[in-house]
Amino acid sequence: MKEDPLTATYSDGDEITVSLRGRLDSVTSSDFQSDAVPKCRGRDIVLDLDGLVYLSSAGLRSILALDKAGKSLRIVNAKDSVKDVLDMSGFSDFF
């Protein structure tokens, strides 16, 4: 059985933490965005990328959609390869 390329888990508290595992790319970003935006709308969001192994431009668009839907967005635990993509794309303000 083939594994899902992306899993997202949500932890609720004072802020909502979205933990990603796998690949956020053109195949997975649309479903992730459709699921995450309504859950995070109007909330302070922590996006935990500890389990994210790949991030594409489509994934970056999903992150921007989360930022627009929430009150604030903070990215934590990005691995070096993912952090490099975020840095090169001007997403450093989210750290």
PDB file of N, CA and C in Angstrom:
ATOM      1  N   MET A   1       0.840  -1.185   0.000  1.00  0.00           N
ATOM      2  CA  MET A   1       0.000   0.000   0.000  1.00  0.00           C
ATOM      3  C   MET A   1       0.881   1.243   0.000  1.00  0.00           C
ATOM      4  N   LYS A   2       0.589   2.169  -0.875  1.00  0.00           N
ATOM      5  CA  LYS A   2       1.392   3.378  -0.989  1.00  0.00           C
ATOM      6  C   LYS A   2       1.051   4.357   0.135  1.00  0.00           C
ATOM      7  N   GLU A   3       2.079   4.963   0.709  1.00  0.00           N
ATOM      8  CA  GLU A   3       1.871   5.949   1.766  1.00  0.00           C
ATOM      9  C   GLU A   3       1.381   7.267   1.180  1.00  0.00           C
ATOM     10  N   ASP A   4       0.570   7.992   1.952  1.00  0.00           N
ATOM     11  CA  ASP A   4       0.165   9.334   1.542  1.00  0.00           C
ATOM     12  C   ASP A   4       1.389  10.233   1.527  1.00  0.00           C
ATOM     13  N   PRO A   5       1.521  11.094   0.510  1.00  0.00           N
ATOM     14  CA  PRO A   5       2.697  11.942   0.431  1.00  0.00           C
ATOM     15  C   PRO A   5       2.705  13.092   1.442  1.00  0.00           C
ATOM     16  N   LEU A   6       1.553  13.403   2.068  1.00  0.00           N
ATOM     17  CA  LEU A   6       1.515  14.478   3.056  1.00  0.00           C
ATOM     18  C   LEU A   6       0.478  14.139   4.112  1.00  0.00           C
ATOM     19  N   THR A   7       0.854  14.339   5.371  1.00  0.00           N
ATOM     20  CA  THR A   7      -0.118  14.259   6.461  1.00  0.00           C
ATOM     21  C   THR A   7      -0.037  15.553   7.249  1.00  0.00           C
ATOM     22  N   ALA A   8      -1.187  16.006   7.685  1.00  0.00           N
ATOM     23  CA  ALA A   8      -1.282  17.211   8.507  1.00  0.00           C
ATOM     24  C   ALA A   8      -2.060  16.869   9.762  1.00  0.00           C
ATOM     25  N   THR A   9      -1.498  17.232  10.911  1.00  0.00           N
ATOM     26  CA  THR A   9      -2.208  17.059  12.172  1.00  0.00           C
ATOM     27  C   THR A   9      -2.389  18.433  12.803  1.00  0.00           C
ATOM     28  N   TYR A  10      -3.497  18.582  13.501  1.00  0.00           N
ATOM     29  CA  TYR A  10      -3.870  19.861  14.080  1.00  0.00           C
ATOM     30  C   TYR A  10      -3.980  19.712  15.589  1.00  0.00           C
ATOM     31  N   SER A  11      -3.313  20.605  16.329  1.00  0.00           N
ATOM     32  CA  SER A  11      -3.375  20.634  17.785  1.00  0.00           C
ATOM     33  C   SER A  11      -3.949  21.978  18.200  1.00  0.00           C
ATOM     34  N   ASP A  12      -5.019  21.915  18.951  1.00  0.00           N
ATOM     35  CA  ASP A  12      -5.715  23.136  19.357  1.00  0.00           C
ATOM     36  C   ASP A  12      -5.290  23.559  20.752  1.00  0.00           C
ATOM     37  N   GLY A  13      -5.152  24.838  20.931  1.00  0.00           N
ATOM     38  CA  GLY A  13      -4.819  25.437  22.217  1.00  0.00           C
ATOM     39  C   GLY A  13      -5.084  26.925  22.086  1.00  0.00           C
ATOM     40  N   ASP A  14      -4.232  27.734  22.710  1.00  0.00           N
ATOM     41  CA  ASP A  14      -4.354  29.177  22.532  1.00  0.00           C
ATOM     42  C   ASP A  14      -4.170  29.542  21.063  1.00  0.00           C
ATOM     43  N   GLU A  15      -3.368  28.767  20.387  1.00  0.00           N
ATOM     44  CA  GLU A  15      -3.155  28.910  18.953  1.00  0.00           C
ATOM     45  C   GLU A  15      -3.314  27.530  18.340  1.00  0.00           C
ATOM     46  N   ILE A  16      -3.491  27.462  17.042  1.00  0.00           N
ATOM     47  CA  ILE A  16      -3.604  26.170  16.383  1.00  0.00           C
ATOM     48  C   ILE A  16      -2.245  25.811  15.790  1.00  0.00           C
ATOM     49  N   THR A  17      -1.791  24.613  16.087  1.00  0.00           N
ATOM     50  CA  THR A  17      -0.526  24.126  15.542  1.00  0.00           C
ATOM     51  C   THR A  17      -0.834  23.123  14.445  1.00  0.00           C
ATOM     52  N   VAL A  18      -0.266  23.373  13.286  1.00  0.00           N
ATOM     53  CA  VAL A  18      -0.417  22.488  12.142  1.00  0.00           C
ATOM     54  C   VAL A  18       0.941  21.826  11.912  1.00  0.00           C
ATOM     55  N   SER A  19       0.995  20.511  12.091  1.00  0.00           N
ATOM     56  CA  SER A  19       2.238  19.761  11.919  1.00  0.00           C
ATOM     57  C   SER A  19       2.170  19.006  10.600  1.00  0.00           C
ATOM     58  N   LEU A  20       3.172  19.213   9.748  1.00  0.00           N
ATOM     59  CA  LEU A  20       3.195  18.572   8.436  1.00  0.00           C
ATOM     60  C   LEU A  20       4.276  17.514   8.375  1.00  0.00           C
ATOM     61  N   ARG A  21       3.954  16.417   7.675  1.00  0.00           N
ATOM     62  CA  ARG A  21       4.905  15.328   7.456  1.00  0.00           C
ATOM     63  C   ARG A  21       4.779  14.892   6.008  1.00  0.00           C
ATOM     64  N   GLY A  22       5.905  14.857   5.306  1.00  0.00           N
ATOM     65  CA  GLY A  22       5.904  14.410   3.908  1.00  0.00           C
ATOM     66  C   GLY A  22       6.291  15.528   2.962  1.00  0.00           C
ATOM     67  N   ARG A  23       5.560  15.603   1.840  1.00  0.00           N
ATOM     68  CA  ARG A  23       5.871  16.557   0.774  1.00  0.00           C
ATOM     69  C   ARG A  23       4.695  17.512   0.571  1.00  0.00           C
ATOM     70  N   LEU A  24       4.984  18.809   0.593  1.00  0.00           N
ATOM     71  CA  LEU A  24       3.979  19.824   0.271  1.00  0.00           C
ATOM     72  C   LEU A  24       4.333  20.336  -1.124  1.00  0.00           C
ATOM     73  N   ASP A  25       3.644  19.777  -2.122  1.00  0.00           N
ATOM     74  CA  ASP A  25       3.987  20.045  -3.514  1.00  0.00           C
ATOM     75  C   ASP A  25       2.722  20.204  -4.350  1.00  0.00           C
ATOM     76  N   SER A  26       2.852  20.175  -5.665  1.00  0.00           N
ATOM     77  CA  SER A  26       1.704  20.400  -6.548  1.00  0.00           C
ATOM     78  C   SER A  26       0.654  19.302  -6.424  1.00  0.00           C
ATOM     79  N   VAL A  27       1.041  18.139  -5.978  1.00  0.00           N
ATOM     80  CA  VAL A  27       0.091  17.038  -5.813  1.00  0.00           C
ATOM     81  C   VAL A  27      -0.700  17.176  -4.513  1.00  0.00           C
ATOM     82  N   THR A  28      -0.070  17.654  -3.458  1.00  0.00           N
ATOM     83  CA  THR A  28      -0.688  17.660  -2.125  1.00  0.00           C
ATOM     84  C   THR A  28      -1.195  19.017  -1.659  1.00  0.00           C
ATOM     85  N   SER A  29      -0.720  20.097  -2.254  1.00  0.00           N
ATOM     86  CA  SER A  29      -0.996  21.428  -1.701  1.00  0.00           C
ATOM     87  C   SER A  29      -2.467  21.819  -1.770  1.00  0.00           C
ATOM     88  N   SER A  30      -3.155  21.460  -2.825  1.00  0.00           N
ATOM     89  CA  SER A  30      -4.559  21.850  -2.966  1.00  0.00           C
ATOM     90  C   SER A  30      -5.424  21.226  -1.872  1.00  0.00           C
ATOM     91  N   ASP A  31      -5.255  19.921  -1.638  1.00  0.00           N
ATOM     92  CA  ASP A  31      -6.022  19.253  -0.581  1.00  0.00           C
ATOM     93  C   ASP A  31      -5.655  19.802   0.791  1.00  0.00           C
ATOM     94  N   PHE A  32      -4.359  20.039   1.010  1.00  0.00           N
ATOM     95  CA  PHE A  32      -3.932  20.604   2.291  1.00  0.00           C
ATOM     96  C   PHE A  32      -4.580  21.971   2.510  1.00  0.00           C
ATOM     97  N   GLN A  33      -4.513  22.823   1.505  1.00  0.00           N
ATOM     98  CA  GLN A  33      -5.071  24.167   1.628  1.00  0.00           C
ATOM     99  C   GLN A  33      -6.577  24.122   1.879  1.00  0.00           C
ATOM    100  N   SER A  34      -7.294  23.261   1.166  1.00  0.00           N
ATOM    101  CA  SER A  34      -8.746  23.136   1.341  1.00  0.00           C
ATOM    102  C   SER A  34      -9.109  22.680   2.751  1.00  0.00           C
ATOM    103  N   ASP A  35      -8.267  21.861   3.345  1.00  0.00           N
ATOM    104  CA  ASP A  35      -8.509  21.361   4.693  1.00  0.00           C
ATOM    105  C   ASP A  35      -8.066  22.359   5.759  1.00  0.00           C
ATOM    106  N   ALA A  36      -6.901  22.957   5.567  1.00  0.00           N
ATOM    107  CA  ALA A  36      -6.282  23.773   6.616  1.00  0.00           C
ATOM    108  C   ALA A  36      -6.891  25.160   6.750  1.00  0.00           C
ATOM    109  N   VAL A  37      -7.183  25.809   5.646  1.00  0.00           N
ATOM    110  CA  VAL A  37      -7.654  27.197   5.710  1.00  0.00           C
ATOM    111  C   VAL A  37      -8.914  27.339   6.571  1.00  0.00           C
ATOM    112  N   PRO A  38      -9.953  26.517   6.367  1.00  0.00           N
ATOM    113  CA  PRO A  38     -11.132  26.674   7.230  1.00  0.00           C
ATOM    114  C   PRO A  38     -10.855  26.397   8.711  1.00  0.00           C
ATOM    115  N   LYS A  39      -9.980  25.448   8.995  1.00  0.00           N
ATOM    116  CA  LYS A  39      -9.651  25.117  10.387  1.00  0.00           C
ATOM    117  C   LYS A  39      -8.860  26.239  11.057  1.00  0.00           C
ATOM    118  N   CYS A  40      -8.098  26.992  10.278  1.00  0.00           N
ATOM    119  CA  CYS A  40      -7.197  28.000  10.833  1.00  0.00           C
ATOM    120  C   CYS A  40      -7.722  29.425  10.715  1.00  0.00           C
ATOM    121  N   ARG A  41      -8.826  29.615  10.030  1.00  0.00           N
ATOM    122  CA  ARG A  41      -9.335  30.967   9.761  1.00  0.00           C
ATOM    123  C   ARG A  41      -9.497  31.768  11.061  1.00  0.00           C
ATOM    124  N   GLY A  42      -8.904  32.958  11.080  1.00  0.00           N
ATOM    125  CA  GLY A  42      -9.024  33.867  12.212  1.00  0.00           C
ATOM    126  C   GLY A  42      -8.226  33.483  13.441  1.00  0.00           C
ATOM    127  N   ARG A  43      -7.339  32.520  13.306  1.00  0.00           N
ATOM    128  CA  ARG A  43      -6.570  32.018  14.451  1.00  0.00           C
ATOM    129  C   ARG A  43      -5.103  32.407  14.341  1.00  0.00           C
ATOM    130  N   ASP A  44      -4.398  32.362  15.458  1.00  0.00           N
ATOM    131  CA  ASP A  44      -2.940  32.409  15.452  1.00  0.00           C
ATOM    132  C   ASP A  44      -2.476  31.002  15.088  1.00  0.00           C
ATOM    133  N   ILE A  45      -1.597  30.909  14.100  1.00  0.00           N
ATOM    134  CA  ILE A  45      -1.193  29.617  13.551  1.00  0.00           C
ATOM    135  C   ILE A  45       0.301  29.400  13.764  1.00  0.00           C
ATOM    136  N   VAL A  46       0.647  28.202  14.237  1.00  0.00           N
ATOM    137  CA  VAL A  46       2.034  27.749  14.272  1.00  0.00           C
ATOM    138  C   VAL A  46       2.117  26.609  13.273  1.00  0.00           C
ATOM    139  N   LEU A  47       2.970  26.765  12.277  1.00  0.00           N
ATOM    140  CA  LEU A  47       3.160  25.750  11.262  1.00  0.00           C
ATOM    141  C   LEU A  47       4.458  25.008  11.570  1.00  0.00           C
ATOM    142  N   ASP A  48       4.323  23.771  12.061  1.00  0.00           N
ATOM    143  CA  ASP A  48       5.471  22.958  12.465  1.00  0.00           C
ATOM    144  C   ASP A  48       5.887  22.098  11.273  1.00  0.00           C
ATOM    145  N   LEU A  49       7.056  22.399  10.716  1.00  0.00           N
ATOM    146  CA  LEU A  49       7.528  21.720   9.514  1.00  0.00           C
ATOM    147  C   LEU A  49       8.580  20.661   9.803  1.00  0.00           C
ATOM    148  N   ASP A  50       8.642  20.173  11.026  1.00  0.00           N
ATOM    149  CA  ASP A  50       9.661  19.193  11.405  1.00  0.00           C
ATOM    150  C   ASP A  50       9.639  17.953  10.516  1.00  0.00           C
ATOM    151  N   GLY A  51       8.472  17.509  10.090  1.00  0.00           N
ATOM    152  CA  GLY A  51       8.365  16.305   9.281  1.00  0.00           C
ATOM    153  C   GLY A  51       8.289  16.563   7.791  1.00  0.00           C
ATOM    154  N   LEU A  52       8.391  17.823   7.381  1.00  0.00           N
ATOM    155  CA  LEU A  52       8.297  18.155   5.961  1.00  0.00           C
ATOM    156  C   LEU A  52       9.645  17.923   5.291  1.00  0.00           C
ATOM    157  N   VAL A  53       9.650  17.120   4.221  1.00  0.00           N
ATOM    158  CA  VAL A  53      10.906  16.791   3.544  1.00  0.00           C
ATOM    159  C   VAL A  53      11.060  17.518   2.217  1.00  0.00           C
ATOM    160  N   TYR A  54       9.972  18.091   1.697  1.00  0.00           N
ATOM    161  CA  TYR A  54      10.046  18.781   0.403  1.00  0.00           C
ATOM    162  C   TYR A  54       8.978  19.858   0.359  1.00  0.00           C
ATOM    163  N   LEU A  55       9.333  21.010  -0.207  1.00  0.00           N
ATOM    164  CA  LEU A  55       8.419  22.139  -0.347  1.00  0.00           C
ATOM    165  C   LEU A  55       8.587  22.748  -1.730  1.00  0.00           C
ATOM    166  N   SER A  56       7.491  22.803  -2.492  1.00  0.00           N
ATOM    167  CA  SER A  56       7.532  23.378  -3.839  1.00  0.00           C
ATOM    168  C   SER A  56       6.856  24.741  -3.842  1.00  0.00           C
ATOM    169  N   SER A  57       6.839  25.386  -5.001  1.00  0.00           N
ATOM    170  CA  SER A  57       6.166  26.683  -5.132  1.00  0.00           C
ATOM    171  C   SER A  57       4.671  26.552  -4.862  1.00  0.00           C
ATOM    172  N   ALA A  58       4.065  25.430  -5.222  1.00  0.00           N
ATOM    173  CA  ALA A  58       2.644  25.212  -4.906  1.00  0.00           C
ATOM    174  C   ALA A  58       2.446  25.142  -3.394  1.00  0.00           C
ATOM    175  N   GLY A  59       3.391  24.537  -2.699  1.00  0.00           N
ATOM    176  CA  GLY A  59       3.339  24.501  -1.243  1.00  0.00           C
ATOM    177  C   GLY A  59       3.486  25.878  -0.628  1.00  0.00           C
ATOM    178  N   LEU A  60       4.336  26.695  -1.226  1.00  0.00           N
ATOM    179  CA  LEU A  60       4.491  28.076  -0.755  1.00  0.00           C
ATOM    180  C   LEU A  60       3.177  28.838  -0.884  1.00  0.00           C
ATOM    181  N   ARG A  61       2.456  28.616  -1.973  1.00  0.00           N
ATOM    182  CA  ARG A  61       1.149  29.269  -2.150  1.00  0.00           C
ATOM    183  C   ARG A  61       0.169  28.844  -1.059  1.00  0.00           C
ATOM    184  N   SER A  62       0.213  27.589  -0.666  1.00  0.00           N
ATOM    185  CA  SER A  62      -0.644  27.107   0.419  1.00  0.00           C
ATOM    186  C   SER A  62      -0.297  27.781   1.742  1.00  0.00           C
ATOM    187  N   ILE A  63       0.986  27.973   1.983  1.00  0.00           N
ATOM    188  CA  ILE A  63       1.414  28.663   3.201  1.00  0.00           C
ATOM    189  C   ILE A  63       0.928  30.108   3.183  1.00  0.00           C
ATOM    190  N   LEU A  64       1.007  30.768   2.029  1.00  0.00           N
ATOM    191  CA  LEU A  64       0.488  32.133   1.917  1.00  0.00           C
ATOM    192  C   LEU A  64      -1.011  32.183   2.176  1.00  0.00           C
ATOM    193  N   ALA A  65      -1.750  31.196   1.687  1.00  0.00           N
ATOM    194  CA  ALA A  65      -3.195  31.145   1.934  1.00  0.00           C
ATOM    195  C   ALA A  65      -3.478  31.005   3.423  1.00  0.00           C
ATOM    196  N   LEU A  66      -2.671  30.216   4.136  1.00  0.00           N
ATOM    197  CA  LEU A  66      -2.821  30.097   5.591  1.00  0.00           C
ATOM    198  C   LEU A  66      -2.560  31.430   6.270  1.00  0.00           C
ATOM    199  N   ASP A  67      -1.516  32.117   5.833  1.00  0.00           N
ATOM    200  CA  ASP A  67      -1.188  33.416   6.412  1.00  0.00           C
ATOM    201  C   ASP A  67      -2.343  34.397   6.240  1.00  0.00           C
ATOM    202  N   LYS A  68      -2.944  34.408   5.066  1.00  0.00           N
ATOM    203  CA  LYS A  68      -4.056  35.331   4.809  1.00  0.00           C
ATOM    204  C   LYS A  68      -5.300  34.957   5.597  1.00  0.00           C
ATOM    205  N   ALA A  69      -5.508  33.670   5.860  1.00  0.00           N
ATOM    206  CA  ALA A  69      -6.696  33.212   6.576  1.00  0.00           C
ATOM    207  C   ALA A  69      -6.591  33.444   8.083  1.00  0.00           C
ATOM    208  N   GLY A  70      -5.371  33.398   8.616  1.00  0.00           N
ATOM    209  CA  GLY A  70      -5.193  33.492  10.059  1.00  0.00           C
ATOM    210  C   GLY A  70      -4.887  34.898  10.531  1.00  0.00           C
ATOM    211  N   LYS A  71      -4.847  35.041  11.869  1.00  0.00           N
ATOM    212  CA  LYS A  71      -4.447  36.323  12.457  1.00  0.00           C
ATOM    213  C   LYS A  71      -2.944  36.495  12.347  1.00  0.00           C
ATOM    214  N   SER A  72      -2.220  35.416  12.599  1.00  0.00           N
ATOM    215  CA  SER A  72      -0.759  35.440  12.487  1.00  0.00           C
ATOM    216  C   SER A  72      -0.290  34.041  12.115  1.00  0.00           C
ATOM    217  N   LEU A  73       0.894  33.977  11.534  1.00  0.00           N
ATOM    218  CA  LEU A  73       1.492  32.695  11.151  1.00  0.00           C
ATOM    219  C   LEU A  73       2.953  32.706  11.565  1.00  0.00           C
ATOM    220  N   ARG A  74       3.350  31.630  12.250  1.00  0.00           N
ATOM    221  CA  ARG A  74       4.744  31.455  12.643  1.00  0.00           C
ATOM    222  C   ARG A  74       5.169  30.060  12.205  1.00  0.00           C
ATOM    223  N   ILE A  75       6.321  29.964  11.548  1.00  0.00           N
ATOM    224  CA  ILE A  75       6.853  28.684  11.095  1.00  0.00           C
ATOM    225  C   ILE A  75       7.966  28.250  12.037  1.00  0.00           C
ATOM    226  N   VAL A  76       7.921  26.979  12.465  1.00  0.00           N
ATOM    227  CA  VAL A  76       8.930  26.433  13.369  1.00  0.00           C
ATOM    228  C   VAL A  76       9.447  25.098  12.832  1.00  0.00           C
ATOM    229  N   ASN A  77      10.643  24.745  13.253  1.00  0.00           N
ATOM    230  CA  ASN A  77      11.241  23.426  13.038  1.00  0.00           C
ATOM    231  C   ASN A  77      11.439  23.035  11.577  1.00  0.00           C
ATOM    232  N   ALA A  78      11.680  23.998  10.708  1.00  0.00           N
ATOM    233  CA  ALA A  78      11.939  23.667   9.301  1.00  0.00           C
ATOM    234  C   ALA A  78      13.346  23.082   9.165  1.00  0.00           C
ATOM    235  N   LYS A  79      13.442  21.968   8.472  1.00  0.00           N
ATOM    236  CA  LYS A  79      14.742  21.365   8.170  1.00  0.00           C
ATOM    237  C   LYS A  79      15.507  22.291   7.218  1.00  0.00           C
ATOM    238  N   ASP A  80      16.816  22.134   7.144  1.00  0.00           N
ATOM    239  CA  ASP A  80      17.646  23.033   6.345  1.00  0.00           C
ATOM    240  C   ASP A  80      17.187  23.130   4.890  1.00  0.00           C
ATOM    241  N   SER A  81      16.852  22.005   4.269  1.00  0.00           N
ATOM    242  CA  SER A  81      16.462  22.030   2.851  1.00  0.00           C
ATOM    243  C   SER A  81      15.163  22.805   2.650  1.00  0.00           C
ATOM    244  N   VAL A  82      14.223  22.654   3.576  1.00  0.00           N
ATOM    245  CA  VAL A  82      12.950  23.383   3.498  1.00  0.00           C
ATOM    246  C   VAL A  82      13.179  24.846   3.876  1.00  0.00           C
ATOM    247  N   LYS A  83      14.003  25.089   4.881  1.00  0.00           N
ATOM    248  CA  LYS A  83      14.299  26.468   5.305  1.00  0.00           C
ATOM    249  C   LYS A  83      14.966  27.247   4.176  1.00  0.00           C
ATOM    250  N   ASP A  84      15.830  26.589   3.409  1.00  0.00           N
ATOM    251  CA  ASP A  84      16.471  27.251   2.270  1.00  0.00           C
ATOM    252  C   ASP A  84      15.437  27.717   1.254  1.00  0.00           C
ATOM    253  N   VAL A  85      14.447  26.885   0.956  1.00  0.00           N
ATOM    254  CA  VAL A  85      13.379  27.261   0.019  1.00  0.00           C
ATOM    255  C   VAL A  85      12.594  28.449   0.574  1.00  0.00           C
ATOM    256  N   LEU A  86      12.273  28.400   1.862  1.00  0.00           N
ATOM    257  CA  LEU A  86      11.539  29.502   2.493  1.00  0.00           C
ATOM    258  C   LEU A  86      12.354  30.793   2.464  1.00  0.00           C
ATOM    259  N   ASP A  87      13.630  30.711   2.778  1.00  0.00           N
ATOM    260  CA  ASP A  87      14.502  31.889   2.776  1.00  0.00           C
ATOM    261  C   ASP A  87      14.611  32.500   1.380  1.00  0.00           C
ATOM    262  N   MET A  88      14.840  31.640   0.359  1.00  0.00           N
ATOM    263  CA  MET A  88      14.997  32.128  -1.008  1.00  0.00           C
ATOM    264  C   MET A  88      13.705  32.744  -1.547  1.00  0.00           C
ATOM    265  N   SER A  89      12.587  32.342  -0.973  1.00  0.00           N
ATOM    266  CA  SER A  89      11.286  32.820  -1.444  1.00  0.00           C
ATOM    267  C   SER A  89      10.776  34.021  -0.651  1.00  0.00           C
ATOM    268  N   GLY A  90      11.574  34.491   0.296  1.00  0.00           N
ATOM    269  CA  GLY A  90      11.181  35.668   1.067  1.00  0.00           C
ATOM    270  C   GLY A  90      10.233  35.374   2.205  1.00  0.00           C
ATOM    271  N   PHE A  91      10.199  34.146   2.685  1.00  0.00           N
ATOM    272  CA  PHE A  91       9.314  33.760   3.772  1.00  0.00           C
ATOM    273  C   PHE A  91      10.000  33.846   5.129  1.00  0.00           C
ATOM    274  N   SER A  92      11.172  34.442   5.201  1.00  0.00           N
ATOM    275  CA  SER A  92      11.938  34.487   6.449  1.00  0.00           C
ATOM    276  C   SER A  92      11.204  35.215   7.569  1.00  0.00           C
ATOM    277  N   ASP A  93      10.295  36.119   7.239  1.00  0.00           N
ATOM    278  CA  ASP A  93       9.546  36.851   8.262  1.00  0.00           C
ATOM    279  C   ASP A  93       8.650  35.942   9.099  1.00  0.00           C
ATOM    280  N   PHE A  94       8.360  34.759   8.613  1.00  0.00           N
ATOM    281  CA  PHE A  94       7.478  33.841   9.336  1.00  0.00           C
ATOM    282  C   PHE A  94       8.201  33.072  10.424  1.00  0.00           C
ATOM    283  N   PHE A  95       9.552  33.184  10.508  1.00  0.00           N
ATOM    284  CA  PHE A  95      10.290  32.438  11.524  1.00  0.00           C
ATOM    285  C   PHE A  95      10.316  33.200  12.819  1.00  0.00           C
TER     286      PHE A  95
END
